[in-house]
Amino acid sequence: PDNNTYFNRFQVTIGRPSQTDIYFQVAVAQAVNNSCDGVVFNYVGTDGTSSSFFTTNLIDGPTFGYAIPTSINPGRCFRYKTYMSSSDPSQTPIFYDITVNYAP
């Protein structure tokens, strides 16, 4: 067996008031010496490139599910980045949680 993990999907739960935005990127990498410490992660969005993001829509929330690009699989290490913005200083998006689906 190759001992690799295939990361399939992730789901986030958010709160997104109007005039705010929240979006994501994910990264999968091979472990080095059986560890994720010191691994270089390349974060990508929906199309598998660093210039794209997993976006949210006020109409569809508060839970969003996304397919992880197959081009970044397999690997043993997984990370994500959350980007938040607001054009109203009295409002902020809220990131509640993330669930990641994978297959060993």
PDB file of N, CA and C in Angstrom:
ATOM      1  N   PRO A   1       0.827  -1.201   0.000  1.00  0.00           N
ATOM      2  CA  PRO A   1       0.000   0.000   0.000  1.00  0.00           C
ATOM      3  C   PRO A   1       0.864   1.255   0.000  1.00  0.00           C
ATOM      4  N   ASP A   2       0.311   2.343  -0.536  1.00  0.00           N
ATOM      5  CA  ASP A   2       1.093   3.565  -0.658  1.00  0.00           C
ATOM      6  C   ASP A   2       1.027   4.463   0.579  1.00  0.00           C
ATOM      7  N   ASN A   3       0.189   4.122   1.566  1.00  0.00           N
ATOM      8  CA  ASN A   3       0.079   4.892   2.809  1.00  0.00           C
ATOM      9  C   ASN A   3      -0.224   6.359   2.585  1.00  0.00           C
ATOM     10  N   ASN A   4      -0.864   6.698   1.494  1.00  0.00           N
ATOM     11  CA  ASN A   4      -1.242   8.076   1.220  1.00  0.00           C
ATOM     12  C   ASN A   4      -2.703   8.302   1.559  1.00  0.00           C
ATOM     13  N   THR A   5      -3.017   9.541   1.802  1.00  0.00           N
ATOM     14  CA  THR A   5      -4.390   9.937   2.089  1.00  0.00           C
ATOM     15  C   THR A   5      -4.900  10.756   0.917  1.00  0.00           C
ATOM     16  N   TYR A   6      -6.140  10.522   0.537  1.00  0.00           N
ATOM     17  CA  TYR A   6      -6.790  11.288  -0.514  1.00  0.00           C
ATOM     18  C   TYR A   6      -7.850  12.162   0.151  1.00  0.00           C
ATOM     19  N   PHE A   7      -7.654  13.463   0.067  1.00  0.00           N
ATOM     20  CA  PHE A   7      -8.597  14.411   0.649  1.00  0.00           C
ATOM     21  C   PHE A   7      -9.655  14.715  -0.407  1.00  0.00           C
ATOM     22  N   ASN A   8     -10.919  14.377  -0.101  1.00  0.00           N
ATOM     23  CA  ASN A   8     -11.996  14.434  -1.084  1.00  0.00           C
ATOM     24  C   ASN A   8     -12.797  15.734  -1.054  1.00  0.00           C
ATOM     25  N   ARG A   9     -13.279  16.076   0.132  1.00  0.00           N
ATOM     26  CA  ARG A   9     -14.190  17.220   0.269  1.00  0.00           C
ATOM     27  C   ARG A   9     -13.942  17.905   1.599  1.00  0.00           C
ATOM     28  N   PHE A  10     -14.390  19.146   1.681  1.00  0.00           N
ATOM     29  CA  PHE A  10     -14.455  19.794   2.983  1.00  0.00           C
ATOM     30  C   PHE A  10     -15.724  20.623   3.053  1.00  0.00           C
ATOM     31  N   GLN A  11     -16.190  20.798   4.260  1.00  0.00           N
ATOM     32  CA  GLN A  11     -17.413  21.547   4.513  1.00  0.00           C
ATOM     33  C   GLN A  11     -17.128  22.571   5.608  1.00  0.00           C
ATOM     34  N   VAL A  12     -17.600  23.783   5.410  1.00  0.00           N
ATOM     35  CA  VAL A  12     -17.428  24.829   6.414  1.00  0.00           C
ATOM     36  C   VAL A  12     -18.785  25.356   6.841  1.00  0.00           C
ATOM     37  N   THR A  13     -18.852  25.791   8.080  1.00  0.00           N
ATOM     38  CA  THR A  13     -20.031  26.483   8.590  1.00  0.00           C
ATOM     39  C   THR A  13     -19.576  27.880   8.989  1.00  0.00           C
ATOM     40  N   ILE A  14     -20.294  28.869   8.472  1.00  0.00           N
ATOM     41  CA  ILE A  14     -19.895  30.263   8.669  1.00  0.00           C
ATOM     42  C   ILE A  14     -21.092  31.126   9.031  1.00  0.00           C
ATOM     43  N   GLY A  15     -20.817  32.318   9.503  1.00  0.00           N
ATOM     44  CA  GLY A  15     -21.801  33.386   9.609  1.00  0.00           C
ATOM     45  C   GLY A  15     -21.268  34.513   8.748  1.00  0.00           C
ATOM     46  N   ARG A  16     -22.101  35.035   7.876  1.00  0.00           N
ATOM     47  CA  ARG A  16     -21.621  36.062   6.952  1.00  0.00           C
ATOM     48  C   ARG A  16     -22.634  37.192   6.844  1.00  0.00           C
ATOM     49  N   PRO A  17     -22.528  38.188   7.710  1.00  0.00           N
ATOM     50  CA  PRO A  17     -23.418  39.353   7.589  1.00  0.00           C
ATOM     51  C   PRO A  17     -23.189  40.073   6.257  1.00  0.00           C
ATOM     52  N   SER A  18     -24.157  40.881   5.852  1.00  0.00           N
ATOM     53  CA  SER A  18     -23.983  41.634   4.616  1.00  0.00           C
ATOM     54  C   SER A  18     -22.762  42.542   4.738  1.00  0.00           C
ATOM     55  N   GLN A  19     -22.162  42.847   3.636  1.00  0.00           N
ATOM     56  CA  GLN A  19     -20.956  43.667   3.515  1.00  0.00           C
ATOM     57  C   GLN A  19     -19.714  42.982   4.090  1.00  0.00           C
ATOM     58  N   THR A  20     -19.784  41.659   4.265  1.00  0.00           N
ATOM     59  CA  THR A  20     -18.616  40.898   4.690  1.00  0.00           C
ATOM     60  C   THR A  20     -18.366  39.775   3.695  1.00  0.00           C
ATOM     61  N   ASP A  21     -17.183  39.215   3.747  1.00  0.00           N
ATOM     62  CA  ASP A  21     -16.848  38.102   2.857  1.00  0.00           C
ATOM     63  C   ASP A  21     -15.930  37.145   3.603  1.00  0.00           C
ATOM     64  N   ILE A  22     -16.015  35.880   3.248  1.00  0.00           N
ATOM     65  CA  ILE A  22     -15.135  34.854   3.807  1.00  0.00           C
ATOM     66  C   ILE A  22     -14.904  33.824   2.705  1.00  0.00           C
ATOM     67  N   TYR A  23     -13.653  33.465   2.498  1.00  0.00           N
ATOM     68  CA  TYR A  23     -13.323  32.483   1.464  1.00  0.00           C
ATOM     69  C   TYR A  23     -12.097  31.705   1.904  1.00  0.00           C
ATOM     70  N   PHE A  24     -11.780  30.629   1.173  1.00  0.00           N
ATOM     71  CA  PHE A  24     -10.826  29.632   1.652  1.00  0.00           C
ATOM     72  C   PHE A  24      -9.877  29.175   0.560  1.00  0.00           C
ATOM     73  N   GLN A  25      -8.731  28.642   1.001  1.00  0.00           N
ATOM     74  CA  GLN A  25      -7.823  27.876   0.164  1.00  0.00           C
ATOM     75  C   GLN A  25      -7.375  26.662   0.974  1.00  0.00           C
ATOM     76  N   VAL A  26      -7.012  25.579   0.274  1.00  0.00           N
ATOM     77  CA  VAL A  26      -6.557  24.355   0.938  1.00  0.00           C
ATOM     78  C   VAL A  26      -5.215  23.926   0.362  1.00  0.00           C
ATOM     79  N   ALA A  27      -4.521  23.077   1.121  1.00  0.00           N
ATOM     80  CA  ALA A  27      -3.236  22.555   0.665  1.00  0.00           C
ATOM     81  C   ALA A  27      -3.081  21.114   1.136  1.00  0.00           C
ATOM     82  N   VAL A  28      -2.514  20.285   0.291  1.00  0.00           N
ATOM     83  CA  VAL A  28      -2.192  18.891   0.610  1.00  0.00           C
ATOM     84  C   VAL A  28      -0.716  18.706   0.275  1.00  0.00           C
ATOM     85  N   ALA A  29       0.007  18.034   1.164  1.00  0.00           N
ATOM     86  CA  ALA A  29       1.444  17.811   0.921  1.00  0.00           C
ATOM     87  C   ALA A  29       1.848  16.442   1.452  1.00  0.00           C
ATOM     88  N   GLN A  30       2.940  15.936   0.927  1.00  0.00           N
ATOM     89  CA  GLN A  30       3.511  14.687   1.415  1.00  0.00           C
ATOM     90  C   GLN A  30       4.236  14.932   2.741  1.00  0.00           C
ATOM     91  N   ALA A  31       4.174  13.988   3.633  1.00  0.00           N
ATOM     92  CA  ALA A  31       4.910  14.071   4.894  1.00  0.00           C
ATOM     93  C   ALA A  31       6.401  13.899   4.618  1.00  0.00           C
ATOM     94  N   VAL A  32       7.213  14.511   5.463  1.00  0.00           N
ATOM     95  CA  VAL A  32       8.663  14.366   5.389  1.00  0.00           C
ATOM     96  C   VAL A  32       9.100  13.645   6.658  1.00  0.00           C
ATOM     97  N   ASN A  33       9.735  12.491   6.489  1.00  0.00           N
ATOM     98  CA  ASN A  33      10.125  11.659   7.632  1.00  0.00           C
ATOM     99  C   ASN A  33       8.933  11.364   8.545  1.00  0.00           C
ATOM    100  N   ASN A  34       7.786  11.071   7.921  1.00  0.00           N
ATOM    101  CA  ASN A  34       6.555  10.725   8.641  1.00  0.00           C
ATOM    102  C   ASN A  34       5.999  11.858   9.491  1.00  0.00           C
ATOM    103  N   SER A  35       6.292  13.089   9.121  1.00  0.00           N
ATOM    104  CA  SER A  35       5.841  14.249   9.884  1.00  0.00           C
ATOM    105  C   SER A  35       5.411  15.374   8.941  1.00  0.00           C
ATOM    106  N   CYS A  36       4.458  16.180   9.390  1.00  0.00           N
ATOM    107  CA  CYS A  36       4.034  17.348   8.622  1.00  0.00           C
ATOM    108  C   CYS A  36       4.796  18.604   9.037  1.00  0.00           C
ATOM    109  N   ASP A  37       5.641  18.497  10.052  1.00  0.00           N
ATOM    110  CA  ASP A  37       6.467  19.631  10.478  1.00  0.00           C
ATOM    111  C   ASP A  37       7.474  19.974   9.384  1.00  0.00           C
ATOM    112  N   GLY A  38       7.550  21.235   9.037  1.00  0.00           N
ATOM    113  CA  GLY A  38       8.515  21.688   8.050  1.00  0.00           C
ATOM    114  C   GLY A  38       8.112  21.454   6.605  1.00  0.00           C
ATOM    115  N   VAL A  39       6.931  20.905   6.378  1.00  0.00           N
ATOM    116  CA  VAL A  39       6.461  20.651   5.014  1.00  0.00           C
ATOM    117  C   VAL A  39       6.061  21.974   4.365  1.00  0.00           C
ATOM    118  N   VAL A  40       6.360  22.118   3.089  1.00  0.00           N
ATOM    119  CA  VAL A  40       5.958  23.309   2.343  1.00  0.00           C
ATOM    120  C   VAL A  40       4.562  23.059   1.771  1.00  0.00           C
ATOM    121  N   PHE A  41       3.639  23.961   2.064  1.00  0.00           N
ATOM    122  CA  PHE A  41       2.266  23.844   1.575  1.00  0.00           C
ATOM    123  C   PHE A  41       2.011  24.878   0.494  1.00  0.00           C
ATOM    124  N   ASN A  42       1.367  24.443  -0.596  1.00  0.00           N
ATOM    125  CA  ASN A  42       0.946  25.328  -1.681  1.00  0.00           C
ATOM    126  C   ASN A  42      -0.576  25.398  -1.653  1.00  0.00           C
ATOM    127  N   TYR A  43      -1.102  26.536  -1.274  1.00  0.00           N
ATOM    128  CA  TYR A  43      -2.536  26.710  -1.097  1.00  0.00           C
ATOM    129  C   TYR A  43      -3.216  27.014  -2.423  1.00  0.00           C
ATOM    130  N   VAL A  44      -4.367  26.344  -2.647  1.00  0.00           N
ATOM    131  CA  VAL A  44      -5.099  26.482  -3.907  1.00  0.00           C
ATOM    132  C   VAL A  44      -6.590  26.638  -3.638  1.00  0.00           C
ATOM    133  N   GLY A  45      -7.289  27.048  -4.688  1.00  0.00           N
ATOM    134  CA  GLY A  45      -8.744  27.168  -4.649  1.00  0.00           C
ATOM    135  C   GLY A  45      -9.398  26.136  -5.543  1.00  0.00           C
ATOM    136  N   THR A  46     -10.577  26.471  -6.025  1.00  0.00           N
ATOM    137  CA  THR A  46     -11.419  25.521  -6.752  1.00  0.00           C
ATOM    138  C   THR A  46     -10.778  24.907  -7.981  1.00  0.00           C
ATOM    139  N   ASP A  47      -9.954  25.682  -8.696  1.00  0.00           N
ATOM    140  CA  ASP A  47      -9.372  25.139  -9.929  1.00  0.00           C
ATOM    141  C   ASP A  47      -7.968  24.569  -9.736  1.00  0.00           C
ATOM    142  N   GLY A  48      -7.527  24.457  -8.465  1.00  0.00           N
ATOM    143  CA  GLY A  48      -6.230  23.864  -8.186  1.00  0.00           C
ATOM    144  C   GLY A  48      -5.056  24.818  -8.340  1.00  0.00           C
ATOM    145  N   THR A  49      -5.344  26.121  -8.489  1.00  0.00           N
ATOM    146  CA  THR A  49      -4.268  27.108  -8.610  1.00  0.00           C
ATOM    147  C   THR A  49      -4.283  28.056  -7.411  1.00  0.00           C
ATOM    148  N   SER A  50      -3.161  28.709  -7.204  1.00  0.00           N
ATOM    149  CA  SER A  50      -3.038  29.626  -6.073  1.00  0.00           C
ATOM    150  C   SER A  50      -3.809  30.924  -6.277  1.00  0.00           C
ATOM    151  N   SER A  51      -4.303  31.168  -7.479  1.00  0.00           N
ATOM    152  CA  SER A  51      -5.054  32.397  -7.744  1.00  0.00           C
ATOM    153  C   SER A  51      -6.566  32.215  -7.584  1.00  0.00           C
ATOM    154  N   SER A  52      -7.014  31.021  -7.218  1.00  0.00           N
ATOM    155  CA  SER A  52      -8.454  30.792  -7.040  1.00  0.00           C
ATOM    156  C   SER A  52      -8.771  30.513  -5.573  1.00  0.00           C
ATOM    157  N   PHE A  53     -10.072  30.615  -5.250  1.00  0.00           N
ATOM    158  CA  PHE A  53     -10.538  30.464  -3.872  1.00  0.00           C
ATOM    159  C   PHE A  53     -11.849  29.695  -3.848  1.00  0.00           C
ATOM    160  N   PHE A  54     -12.156  29.106  -2.713  1.00  0.00           N
ATOM    161  CA  PHE A  54     -13.471  28.539  -2.448  1.00  0.00           C
ATOM    162  C   PHE A  54     -14.282  29.672  -1.828  1.00  0.00           C
ATOM    163  N   THR A  55     -15.317  30.120  -2.536  1.00  0.00           N
ATOM    164  CA  THR A  55     -16.064  31.298  -2.110  1.00  0.00           C
ATOM    165  C   THR A  55     -17.387  30.913  -1.458  1.00  0.00           C
ATOM    166  N   THR A  56     -17.980  31.881  -0.785  1.00  0.00           N
ATOM    167  CA  THR A  56     -19.279  31.688  -0.148  1.00  0.00           C
ATOM    168  C   THR A  56     -20.263  32.691  -0.721  1.00  0.00           C
ATOM    169  N   ASN A  57     -21.531  32.392  -0.556  1.00  0.00           N
ATOM    170  CA  ASN A  57     -22.594  33.228  -1.096  1.00  0.00           C
ATOM    171  C   ASN A  57     -23.623  33.439   0.005  1.00  0.00           C
ATOM    172  N   LEU A  58     -24.019  34.678   0.229  1.00  0.00           N
ATOM    173  CA  LEU A  58     -24.984  34.977   1.292  1.00  0.00           C
ATOM    174  C   LEU A  58     -26.271  34.170   1.157  1.00  0.00           C
ATOM    175  N   ILE A  59     -26.673  33.885  -0.059  1.00  0.00           N
ATOM    176  CA  ILE A  59     -27.935  33.177  -0.303  1.00  0.00           C
ATOM    177  C   ILE A  59     -27.829  31.699   0.079  1.00  0.00           C
ATOM    178  N   ASP A  60     -26.661  31.088  -0.139  1.00  0.00           N
ATOM    179  CA  ASP A  60     -26.515  29.645   0.047  1.00  0.00           C
ATOM    180  C   ASP A  60     -26.143  29.216   1.457  1.00  0.00           C
ATOM    181  N   GLY A  61     -25.687  30.112   2.308  1.00  0.00           N
ATOM    182  CA  GLY A  61     -25.137  29.775   3.628  1.00  0.00           C
ATOM    183  C   GLY A  61     -26.147  29.228   4.593  1.00  0.00           C
ATOM    184  N   PRO A  62     -25.738  28.808   5.768  1.00  0.00           N
ATOM    185  CA  PRO A  62     -24.438  29.029   6.388  1.00  0.00           C
ATOM    186  C   PRO A  62     -23.438  27.884   6.217  1.00  0.00           C
ATOM    187  N   THR A  63     -23.842  26.774   5.552  1.00  0.00           N
ATOM    188  CA  THR A  63     -22.930  25.643   5.384  1.00  0.00           C
ATOM    189  C   THR A  63     -22.626  25.465   3.905  1.00  0.00           C
ATOM    190  N   PHE A  64     -21.343  25.289   3.607  1.00  0.00           N
ATOM    191  CA  PHE A  64     -20.902  25.152   2.227  1.00  0.00           C
ATOM    192  C   PHE A  64     -20.020  23.921   2.109  1.00  0.00           C
ATOM    193  N   GLY A  65     -20.191  23.146   1.031  1.00  0.00           N
ATOM    194  CA  GLY A  65     -19.366  21.971   0.774  1.00  0.00           C
ATOM    195  C   GLY A  65     -18.619  22.136  -0.525  1.00  0.00           C
ATOM    196  N   TYR A  66     -17.370  21.688  -0.529  1.00  0.00           N
ATOM    197  CA  TYR A  66     -16.511  21.859  -1.695  1.00  0.00           C
ATOM    198  C   TYR A  66     -15.729  20.577  -1.980  1.00  0.00           C
ATOM    199  N   ALA A  67     -15.509  20.309  -3.253  1.00  0.00           N
ATOM    200  CA  ALA A  67     -14.622  19.223  -3.659  1.00  0.00           C
ATOM    201  C   ALA A  67     -13.189  19.739  -3.640  1.00  0.00           C
ATOM    202  N   ILE A  68     -12.283  18.948  -3.101  1.00  0.00           N
ATOM    203  CA  ILE A  68     -10.872  19.300  -3.095  1.00  0.00           C
ATOM    204  C   ILE A  68     -10.282  18.868  -4.439  1.00  0.00           C
ATOM    205  N   PRO A  69      -9.561  19.746  -5.120  1.00  0.00           N
ATOM    206  CA  PRO A  69      -9.027  19.396  -6.446  1.00  0.00           C
ATOM    207  C   PRO A  69      -8.175  18.124  -6.400  1.00  0.00           C
ATOM    208  N   THR A  70      -8.437  17.232  -7.323  1.00  0.00           N
ATOM    209  CA  THR A  70      -7.670  15.984  -7.377  1.00  0.00           C
ATOM    210  C   THR A  70      -6.211  16.240  -7.715  1.00  0.00           C
ATOM    211  N   SER A  71      -5.928  17.367  -8.347  1.00  0.00           N
ATOM    212  CA  SER A  71      -4.551  17.669  -8.760  1.00  0.00           C
ATOM    213  C   SER A  71      -3.600  17.851  -7.581  1.00  0.00           C
ATOM    214  N   ILE A  72      -4.108  18.095  -6.367  1.00  0.00           N
ATOM    215  CA  ILE A  72      -3.218  18.286  -5.217  1.00  0.00           C
ATOM    216  C   ILE A  72      -3.136  17.040  -4.334  1.00  0.00           C
ATOM    217  N   ASN A  73      -3.804  15.970  -4.739  1.00  0.00           N
ATOM    218  CA  ASN A  73      -3.785  14.709  -4.000  1.00  0.00           C
ATOM    219  C   ASN A  73      -2.822  13.723  -4.629  1.00  0.00           C
ATOM    220  N   PRO A  74      -2.367  12.692  -3.962  1.00  0.00           N
ATOM    221  CA  PRO A  74      -2.568  12.393  -2.549  1.00  0.00           C
ATOM    222  C   PRO A  74      -1.496  13.073  -1.695  1.00  0.00           C
ATOM    223  N   GLY A  75      -1.643  12.941  -0.411  1.00  0.00           N
ATOM    224  CA  GLY A  75      -0.672  13.468   0.533  1.00  0.00           C
ATOM    225  C   GLY A  75      -1.054  13.027   1.935  1.00  0.00           C
ATOM    226  N   ARG A  76      -0.215  13.303   2.898  1.00  0.00           N
ATOM    227  CA  ARG A  76      -0.506  12.926   4.285  1.00  0.00           C
ATOM    228  C   ARG A  76      -0.849  14.127   5.146  1.00  0.00           C
ATOM    229  N   CYS A  77      -0.557  15.336   4.637  1.00  0.00           N
ATOM    230  CA  CYS A  77      -0.709  16.553   5.430  1.00  0.00           C
ATOM    231  C   CYS A  77      -1.743  17.466   4.771  1.00  0.00           C
ATOM    232  N   PHE A  78      -2.597  18.070   5.588  1.00  0.00           N
ATOM    233  CA  PHE A  78      -3.653  18.949   5.087  1.00  0.00           C
ATOM    234  C   PHE A  78      -3.671  20.229   5.913  1.00  0.00           C
ATOM    235  N   ARG A  79      -3.811  21.347   5.224  1.00  0.00           N
ATOM    236  CA  ARG A  79      -3.988  22.644   5.880  1.00  0.00           C
ATOM    237  C   ARG A  79      -4.979  23.469   5.074  1.00  0.00           C
ATOM    238  N   TYR A  80      -5.505  24.485   5.724  1.00  0.00           N
ATOM    239  CA  TYR A  80      -6.393  25.418   5.036  1.00  0.00           C
ATOM    240  C   TYR A  80      -6.123  26.833   5.530  1.00  0.00           C
ATOM    241  N   LYS A  81      -6.518  27.796   4.694  1.00  0.00           N
ATOM    242  CA  LYS A  81      -6.448  29.206   5.052  1.00  0.00           C
ATOM    243  C   LYS A  81      -7.853  29.788   4.924  1.00  0.00           C
ATOM    244  N   THR A  82      -8.172  30.655   5.847  1.00  0.00           N
ATOM    245  CA  THR A  82      -9.438  31.378   5.815  1.00  0.00           C
ATOM    246  C   THR A  82      -9.147  32.853   5.631  1.00  0.00           C
ATOM    247  N   TYR A  83      -9.795  33.461   4.665  1.00  0.00           N
ATOM    248  CA  TYR A  83      -9.645  34.892   4.402  1.00  0.00           C
ATOM    249  C   TYR A  83     -10.958  35.574   4.752  1.00  0.00           C
ATOM    250  N   MET A  84     -10.889  36.645   5.509  1.00  0.00           N
ATOM    251  CA  MET A  84     -12.091  37.372   5.915  1.00  0.00           C
ATOM    252  C   MET A  84     -11.922  38.845   5.586  1.00  0.00           C
ATOM    253  N   SER A  85     -13.029  39.480   5.182  1.00  0.00           N
ATOM    254  CA  SER A  85     -12.991  40.914   4.929  1.00  0.00           C
ATOM    255  C   SER A  85     -14.354  41.520   5.266  1.00  0.00           C
ATOM    256  N   SER A  86     -14.340  42.828   5.464  1.00  0.00           N
ATOM    257  CA  SER A  86     -15.572  43.546   5.760  1.00  0.00           C
ATOM    258  C   SER A  86     -15.433  44.988   5.308  1.00  0.00           C
ATOM    259  N   SER A  87     -16.482  45.513   4.674  1.00  0.00           N
ATOM    260  CA  SER A  87     -16.502  46.933   4.313  1.00  0.00           C
ATOM    261  C   SER A  87     -17.299  47.737   5.339  1.00  0.00           C
ATOM    262  N   ASP A  88     -17.791  47.063   6.373  1.00  0.00           N
ATOM    263  CA  ASP A  88     -18.538  47.701   7.463  1.00  0.00           C
ATOM    264  C   ASP A  88     -17.799  47.418   8.763  1.00  0.00           C
ATOM    265  N   PRO A  89     -17.234  48.446   9.406  1.00  0.00           N
ATOM    266  CA  PRO A  89     -16.438  48.217  10.619  1.00  0.00           C
ATOM    267  C   PRO A  89     -17.228  47.620  11.795  1.00  0.00           C
ATOM    268  N   SER A  90     -18.542  47.614  11.705  1.00  0.00           N
ATOM    269  CA  SER A  90     -19.338  47.034  12.794  1.00  0.00           C
ATOM    270  C   SER A  90     -19.737  45.583  12.523  1.00  0.00           C
ATOM    271  N   GLN A  91     -19.310  45.022  11.380  1.00  0.00           N
ATOM    272  CA  GLN A  91     -19.672  43.657  11.003  1.00  0.00           C
ATOM    273  C   GLN A  91     -18.402  42.853  10.711  1.00  0.00           C
ATOM    274  N   THR A  92     -18.459  41.575  11.015  1.00  0.00           N
ATOM    275  CA  THR A  92     -17.354  40.681  10.677  1.00  0.00           C
ATOM    276  C   THR A  92     -17.904  39.300  10.350  1.00  0.00           C
ATOM    277  N   PRO A  93     -17.316  38.595   9.380  1.00  0.00           N
ATOM    278  CA  PRO A  93     -17.745  37.213   9.141  1.00  0.00           C
ATOM    279  C   PRO A  93     -17.269  36.326  10.290  1.00  0.00           C
ATOM    280  N   ILE A  94     -17.935  35.192  10.460  1.00  0.00           N
ATOM    281  CA  ILE A  94     -17.605  34.256  11.532  1.00  0.00           C
ATOM    282  C   ILE A  94     -17.321  32.892  10.916  1.00  0.00           C
ATOM    283  N   PHE A  95     -16.203  32.314  11.277  1.00  0.00           N
ATOM    284  CA  PHE A  95     -15.835  30.961  10.853  1.00  0.00           C
ATOM    285  C   PHE A  95     -16.113  30.040  12.038  1.00  0.00           C
ATOM    286  N   TYR A  96     -17.124  29.178  11.913  1.00  0.00           N
ATOM    287  CA  TYR A  96     -17.504  28.288  12.998  1.00  0.00           C
ATOM    288  C   TYR A  96     -16.695  26.999  13.011  1.00  0.00           C
ATOM    289  N   ASP A  97     -16.669  26.292  11.863  1.00  0.00           N
ATOM    290  CA  ASP A  97     -15.935  25.019  11.850  1.00  0.00           C
ATOM    291  C   ASP A  97     -15.687  24.526  10.432  1.00  0.00           C
ATOM    292  N   ILE A  98     -14.839  23.509  10.366  1.00  0.00           N
ATOM    293  CA  ILE A  98     -14.527  22.842   9.109  1.00  0.00           C
ATOM    294  C   ILE A  98     -14.533  21.342   9.366  1.00  0.00           C
ATOM    295  N   THR A  99     -15.050  20.589   8.395  1.00  0.00           N
ATOM    296  CA  THR A  99     -15.031  19.127   8.425  1.00  0.00           C
ATOM    297  C   THR A  99     -14.378  18.672   7.129  1.00  0.00           C
ATOM    298  N   VAL A 100     -13.401  17.794   7.242  1.00  0.00           N
ATOM    299  CA  VAL A 100     -12.667  17.323   6.064  1.00  0.00           C
ATOM    300  C   VAL A 100     -12.941  15.844   5.863  1.00  0.00           C
ATOM    301  N   ASN A 101     -13.310  15.466   4.634  1.00  0.00           N
ATOM    302  CA  ASN A 101     -13.536  14.076   4.280  1.00  0.00           C
ATOM    303  C   ASN A 101     -12.297  13.571   3.561  1.00  0.00           C
ATOM    304  N   TYR A 102     -11.821  12.392   3.976  1.00  0.00           N
ATOM    305  CA  TYR A 102     -10.624  11.820   3.363  1.00  0.00           C
ATOM    306  C   TYR A 102     -10.742  10.310   3.334  1.00  0.00           C
ATOM    307  N   ALA A 103      -9.897   9.700   2.525  1.00  0.00           N
ATOM    308  CA  ALA A 103      -9.828   8.247   2.441  1.00  0.00           C
ATOM    309  C   ALA A 103      -8.369   7.822   2.567  1.00  0.00           C
ATOM    310  N   PRO A 104      -8.071   6.928   3.506  1.00  0.00           N
ATOM    311  CA  PRO A 104      -6.681   6.480   3.671  1.00  0.00           C
ATOM    312  C   PRO A 104      -6.250   5.578   2.522  1.00  0.00           C
TER     313      PRO A 104
END
